[in-house]
Amino acid sequence: MGNEIKKDIKDAVRVGPYVDLKLMKKIQKMKLTGEKKIIKTWARSSTIVPDMIGFTLAIHNGKAHIPVYINEAMLGHKLGEFAITRVYRSHRRPTDRSTALK
């Protein structure tokens, strides 16, 4: 069983990080032209690589695109980590009706 895990880790290192090809093409094109526009993406599972540093990506959270500026501290993380999908609304305050029943 331990050998299977080691093999999987070796394969992951050999293959490298997952980066969406369409997204990388857009970034490479913008690097060549020197322009800095916001790039919309739905590829939340893409890994942040050094080529992305300095660009602003609008990452889809399921409802809207959240603009995220990519910096060096984000290297190796996934894009989806920086566009949260859930909104926490605090627990509801008790109503007059619920407190009157006691």
N, C-alpha and C. Protein backbone atom coordinates (compact mmCIF):
# COMPACT_ATOMS: atom_id res chain seq x y z
N MET A 1 0.82 -1.19 0.00
CA MET A 1 0.00 0.00 0.00
C MET A 1 0.86 1.25 0.00
N GLY A 2 1.96 1.26 0.73
CA GLY A 2 2.83 2.42 0.80
C GLY A 2 3.48 2.72 -0.54
N ASN A 3 3.80 1.68 -1.32
CA ASN A 3 4.42 1.88 -2.63
C ASN A 3 3.48 2.57 -3.60
N GLU A 4 2.17 2.28 -3.49
CA GLU A 4 1.19 2.92 -4.37
C GLU A 4 1.14 4.42 -4.13
N ILE A 5 1.21 4.84 -2.87
CA ILE A 5 1.17 6.27 -2.52
C ILE A 5 2.43 6.95 -3.05
N LYS A 6 3.59 6.31 -2.86
CA LYS A 6 4.84 6.87 -3.37
C LYS A 6 4.79 7.04 -4.88
N LYS A 7 4.21 6.05 -5.58
CA LYS A 7 4.11 6.12 -7.04
C LYS A 7 3.23 7.30 -7.46
N ASP A 8 2.10 7.49 -6.75
CA ASP A 8 1.20 8.59 -7.07
C ASP A 8 1.89 9.94 -6.87
N ILE A 9 2.67 10.08 -5.81
CA ILE A 9 3.37 11.33 -5.55
C ILE A 9 4.41 11.58 -6.63
N LYS A 10 5.15 10.53 -7.03
CA LYS A 10 6.14 10.69 -8.09
C LYS A 10 5.47 11.11 -9.40
N ASP A 11 4.32 10.53 -9.70
CA ASP A 11 3.61 10.90 -10.92
C ASP A 11 3.17 12.36 -10.88
N ALA A 12 2.70 12.81 -9.73
CA ALA A 12 2.24 14.19 -9.60
C ALA A 12 3.40 15.16 -9.80
N VAL A 13 4.56 14.83 -9.28
CA VAL A 13 5.73 15.70 -9.43
C VAL A 13 6.17 15.73 -10.89
N ARG A 14 6.14 14.60 -11.55
CA ARG A 14 6.57 14.51 -12.95
C ARG A 14 5.64 15.29 -13.87
N VAL A 15 4.35 15.18 -13.65
CA VAL A 15 3.37 15.83 -14.52
C VAL A 15 3.36 17.34 -14.30
N GLY A 16 3.49 17.79 -13.07
CA GLY A 16 3.50 19.22 -12.77
C GLY A 16 2.13 19.74 -12.42
N PRO A 17 2.03 21.06 -12.14
CA PRO A 17 0.76 21.64 -11.71
C PRO A 17 -0.23 21.75 -12.87
N TYR A 18 -1.53 21.69 -12.52
CA TYR A 18 -2.57 21.86 -13.54
C TYR A 18 -2.80 23.36 -13.76
N VAL A 19 -2.70 23.78 -15.03
CA VAL A 19 -3.00 25.16 -15.40
C VAL A 19 -3.85 25.10 -16.66
N ASP A 20 -4.96 25.82 -16.66
CA ASP A 20 -5.86 25.85 -17.80
C ASP A 20 -5.14 26.45 -19.01
N LEU A 21 -5.15 25.73 -20.13
CA LEU A 21 -4.40 26.17 -21.32
C LEU A 21 -4.94 27.47 -21.90
N LYS A 22 -6.26 27.63 -21.94
CA LYS A 22 -6.84 28.87 -22.47
C LYS A 22 -6.42 30.07 -21.64
N LEU A 23 -6.40 29.89 -20.33
CA LEU A 23 -5.99 30.96 -19.43
C LEU A 23 -4.53 31.32 -19.65
N MET A 24 -3.66 30.32 -19.79
CA MET A 24 -2.24 30.59 -20.01
C MET A 24 -2.00 31.28 -21.35
N LYS A 25 -2.76 30.91 -22.37
CA LYS A 25 -2.62 31.57 -23.68
C LYS A 25 -2.98 33.05 -23.57
N LYS A 26 -4.05 33.35 -22.82
CA LYS A 26 -4.46 34.75 -22.64
C LYS A 26 -3.38 35.53 -21.89
N ILE A 27 -2.80 34.93 -20.87
CA ILE A 27 -1.76 35.60 -20.08
C ILE A 27 -0.51 35.83 -20.93
N GLN A 28 -0.11 34.81 -21.71
CA GLN A 28 1.07 34.96 -22.57
C GLN A 28 0.85 36.06 -23.61
N LYS A 29 -0.36 36.12 -24.17
CA LYS A 29 -0.68 37.15 -25.16
C LYS A 29 -0.59 38.54 -24.54
N MET A 30 -1.11 38.68 -23.32
CA MET A 30 -1.07 39.98 -22.65
C MET A 30 0.35 40.36 -22.26
N LYS A 31 1.19 39.39 -21.95
CA LYS A 31 2.59 39.68 -21.63
C LYS A 31 3.31 40.22 -22.87
N LEU A 32 3.03 39.63 -24.03
CA LEU A 32 3.68 40.07 -25.27
C LEU A 32 3.25 41.48 -25.66
N THR A 33 1.96 41.78 -25.51
CA THR A 33 1.46 43.09 -25.90
C THR A 33 1.70 44.14 -24.82
N GLY A 34 1.90 43.70 -23.58
CA GLY A 34 2.17 44.64 -22.49
C GLY A 34 0.94 45.28 -21.88
N GLU A 35 -0.24 44.82 -22.26
CA GLU A 35 -1.46 45.41 -21.70
C GLU A 35 -1.86 44.67 -20.42
N LYS A 36 -2.60 45.34 -19.57
CA LYS A 36 -3.04 44.75 -18.29
C LYS A 36 -4.55 44.91 -18.16
N LYS A 37 -5.30 43.95 -18.71
CA LYS A 37 -6.74 43.93 -18.56
C LYS A 37 -7.11 42.85 -17.56
N ILE A 38 -8.34 42.91 -17.08
CA ILE A 38 -8.85 41.87 -16.20
C ILE A 38 -9.26 40.68 -17.07
N ILE A 39 -8.80 39.49 -16.71
CA ILE A 39 -9.11 38.27 -17.46
C ILE A 39 -10.16 37.50 -16.68
N LYS A 40 -11.31 37.26 -17.30
CA LYS A 40 -12.36 36.46 -16.68
C LYS A 40 -12.03 34.98 -16.83
N THR A 41 -12.22 34.22 -15.76
CA THR A 41 -11.98 32.78 -15.84
C THR A 41 -12.93 32.01 -14.95
N TRP A 42 -13.25 30.82 -15.41
CA TRP A 42 -14.06 29.88 -14.64
C TRP A 42 -13.18 28.75 -14.12
N ALA A 43 -11.88 28.78 -14.43
CA ALA A 43 -10.94 27.69 -14.11
C ALA A 43 -10.45 27.83 -12.67
N ARG A 44 -11.29 27.53 -11.71
CA ARG A 44 -10.95 27.66 -10.29
C ARG A 44 -9.91 26.63 -9.86
N SER A 45 -9.79 25.53 -10.60
CA SER A 45 -8.86 24.46 -10.22
C SER A 45 -7.45 24.69 -10.75
N SER A 46 -7.22 25.77 -11.48
CA SER A 46 -5.89 26.05 -12.00
C SER A 46 -4.95 26.48 -10.88
N THR A 47 -3.72 26.01 -10.98
CA THR A 47 -2.68 26.39 -10.02
C THR A 47 -2.06 27.71 -10.44
N ILE A 48 -1.73 28.56 -9.48
CA ILE A 48 -1.10 29.85 -9.78
C ILE A 48 0.39 29.60 -10.01
N VAL A 49 0.88 30.03 -11.18
CA VAL A 49 2.27 29.85 -11.58
C VAL A 49 2.93 31.23 -11.71
N PRO A 50 4.26 31.30 -11.76
CA PRO A 50 4.95 32.60 -11.81
C PRO A 50 4.56 33.50 -12.98
N ASP A 51 4.11 32.93 -14.09
CA ASP A 51 3.69 33.75 -15.24
C ASP A 51 2.48 34.62 -14.92
N MET A 52 1.70 34.24 -13.93
CA MET A 52 0.46 34.96 -13.60
C MET A 52 0.68 36.17 -12.69
N ILE A 53 1.85 36.28 -12.09
CA ILE A 53 2.12 37.35 -11.12
C ILE A 53 2.00 38.71 -11.79
N GLY A 54 1.26 39.61 -11.15
CA GLY A 54 1.09 40.97 -11.65
C GLY A 54 -0.17 41.17 -12.46
N PHE A 55 -0.91 40.11 -12.71
CA PHE A 55 -2.16 40.22 -13.47
C PHE A 55 -3.35 40.16 -12.53
N THR A 56 -4.47 40.71 -12.99
CA THR A 56 -5.72 40.63 -12.24
C THR A 56 -6.64 39.67 -12.96
N LEU A 57 -7.08 38.64 -12.26
CA LEU A 57 -7.98 37.64 -12.82
C LEU A 57 -9.33 37.76 -12.13
N ALA A 58 -10.40 37.71 -12.90
CA ALA A 58 -11.75 37.71 -12.35
C ALA A 58 -12.18 36.25 -12.24
N ILE A 59 -12.17 35.72 -11.04
CA ILE A 59 -12.44 34.30 -10.79
C ILE A 59 -13.91 34.13 -10.45
N HIS A 60 -14.56 33.19 -11.14
CA HIS A 60 -15.99 32.97 -10.95
C HIS A 60 -16.23 32.20 -9.66
N ASN A 61 -17.18 32.68 -8.85
CA ASN A 61 -17.47 32.00 -7.57
C ASN A 61 -18.80 31.27 -7.61
N GLY A 62 -19.38 31.12 -8.79
CA GLY A 62 -20.66 30.45 -8.92
C GLY A 62 -21.79 31.43 -9.17
N LYS A 63 -21.56 32.69 -8.86
CA LYS A 63 -22.58 33.72 -9.05
C LYS A 63 -22.03 34.91 -9.82
N ALA A 64 -20.82 35.33 -9.49
CA ALA A 64 -20.22 36.51 -10.12
C ALA A 64 -18.71 36.30 -10.23
N HIS A 65 -18.06 37.17 -10.97
CA HIS A 65 -16.60 37.12 -11.10
C HIS A 65 -15.99 38.06 -10.06
N ILE A 66 -15.10 37.52 -9.24
CA ILE A 66 -14.43 38.28 -8.18
C ILE A 66 -13.03 38.64 -8.66
N PRO A 67 -12.71 39.95 -8.79
CA PRO A 67 -11.36 40.31 -9.25
C PRO A 67 -10.31 40.04 -8.16
N VAL A 68 -9.24 39.36 -8.56
CA VAL A 68 -8.16 39.00 -7.64
C VAL A 68 -6.84 39.37 -8.29
N TYR A 69 -6.03 40.20 -7.59
CA TYR A 69 -4.70 40.56 -8.07
C TYR A 69 -3.74 39.47 -7.62
N ILE A 70 -2.99 38.89 -8.55
CA ILE A 70 -2.09 37.79 -8.24
C ILE A 70 -0.72 38.33 -7.82
N ASN A 71 -0.24 37.90 -6.63
CA ASN A 71 1.09 38.30 -6.17
C ASN A 71 1.92 37.06 -5.83
N GLU A 72 3.15 37.26 -5.42
CA GLU A 72 4.09 36.14 -5.20
C GLU A 72 3.65 35.22 -4.07
N ALA A 73 2.96 35.74 -3.09
CA ALA A 73 2.53 34.92 -1.95
C ALA A 73 1.51 33.86 -2.35
N MET A 74 0.88 34.03 -3.50
CA MET A 74 -0.16 33.11 -3.94
C MET A 74 0.37 31.94 -4.76
N LEU A 75 1.66 31.92 -5.08
CA LEU A 75 2.24 30.86 -5.92
C LEU A 75 1.96 29.49 -5.34
N GLY A 76 1.56 28.56 -6.21
CA GLY A 76 1.31 27.19 -5.80
C GLY A 76 -0.10 26.93 -5.30
N HIS A 77 -0.85 27.99 -5.01
CA HIS A 77 -2.24 27.82 -4.57
C HIS A 77 -3.15 27.71 -5.78
N LYS A 78 -4.39 27.34 -5.55
CA LYS A 78 -5.39 27.25 -6.62
C LYS A 78 -6.15 28.57 -6.70
N LEU A 79 -6.63 28.91 -7.89
CA LEU A 79 -7.37 30.17 -8.07
C LEU A 79 -8.63 30.21 -7.22
N GLY A 80 -9.30 29.07 -7.09
CA GLY A 80 -10.55 29.01 -6.35
C GLY A 80 -10.42 29.35 -4.88
N GLU A 81 -9.22 29.28 -4.34
CA GLU A 81 -9.03 29.59 -2.92
C GLU A 81 -9.23 31.07 -2.62
N PHE A 82 -9.16 31.91 -3.65
CA PHE A 82 -9.21 33.36 -3.44
C PHE A 82 -10.55 33.98 -3.85
N ALA A 83 -11.50 33.15 -4.26
CA ALA A 83 -12.85 33.63 -4.57
C ALA A 83 -13.82 32.73 -3.83
N ILE A 84 -14.19 33.12 -2.61
CA ILE A 84 -15.02 32.26 -1.79
C ILE A 84 -16.41 32.11 -2.41
N THR A 85 -16.99 30.93 -2.22
CA THR A 85 -18.27 30.61 -2.86
C THR A 85 -19.45 30.73 -1.91
N ARG A 86 -19.19 30.77 -0.63
CA ARG A 86 -20.29 30.80 0.34
C ARG A 86 -20.28 32.10 1.11
N VAL A 87 -21.47 32.61 1.36
CA VAL A 87 -21.61 33.84 2.12
C VAL A 87 -22.22 33.49 3.47
N TYR A 88 -21.50 33.80 4.54
CA TYR A 88 -22.01 33.52 5.88
C TYR A 88 -22.84 34.71 6.35
N ARG A 89 -24.07 34.45 6.62
CA ARG A 89 -24.94 35.45 7.23
C ARG A 89 -25.16 34.99 8.65
N SER A 90 -24.91 35.86 9.59
CA SER A 90 -24.94 35.45 11.01
C SER A 90 -26.29 34.83 11.36
N HIS A 91 -26.31 34.15 12.48
CA HIS A 91 -27.54 33.53 12.95
C HIS A 91 -28.60 34.61 13.15
N ARG A 92 -29.79 34.27 12.78
CA ARG A 92 -30.88 35.24 12.85
C ARG A 92 -31.15 35.66 14.29
N ARG A 93 -31.51 36.91 14.43
CA ARG A 93 -31.89 37.40 15.75
C ARG A 93 -33.24 36.83 16.12
N PRO A 94 -33.50 36.57 17.39
CA PRO A 94 -34.79 36.01 17.79
C PRO A 94 -35.93 37.02 17.53
N THR A 95 -37.03 36.52 17.06
CA THR A 95 -38.17 37.39 16.79
C THR A 95 -39.02 37.54 18.05
N ASP A 96 -39.95 38.49 18.03
CA ASP A 96 -40.84 38.70 19.18
C ASP A 96 -41.68 37.46 19.42
N ARG A 97 -42.08 36.82 18.32
CA ARG A 97 -42.96 35.65 18.45
C ARG A 97 -42.23 34.49 19.14
N SER A 98 -40.99 34.26 18.78
CA SER A 98 -40.26 33.11 19.36
C SER A 98 -39.95 33.37 20.84
N THR A 99 -39.70 34.58 21.22
CA THR A 99 -39.40 34.86 22.64
C THR A 99 -40.68 34.93 23.47
N ALA A 100 -41.82 35.25 22.85
CA ALA A 100 -43.07 35.36 23.61
C ALA A 100 -43.60 33.99 24.00
N LEU A 101 -43.23 32.92 23.27
CA LEU A 101 -43.74 31.61 23.56
C LEU A 101 -43.16 31.02 24.83
N LYS A 102 -42.05 31.52 25.29
CA LYS A 102 -41.39 30.96 26.49
C LYS A 102 -42.02 31.40 27.77
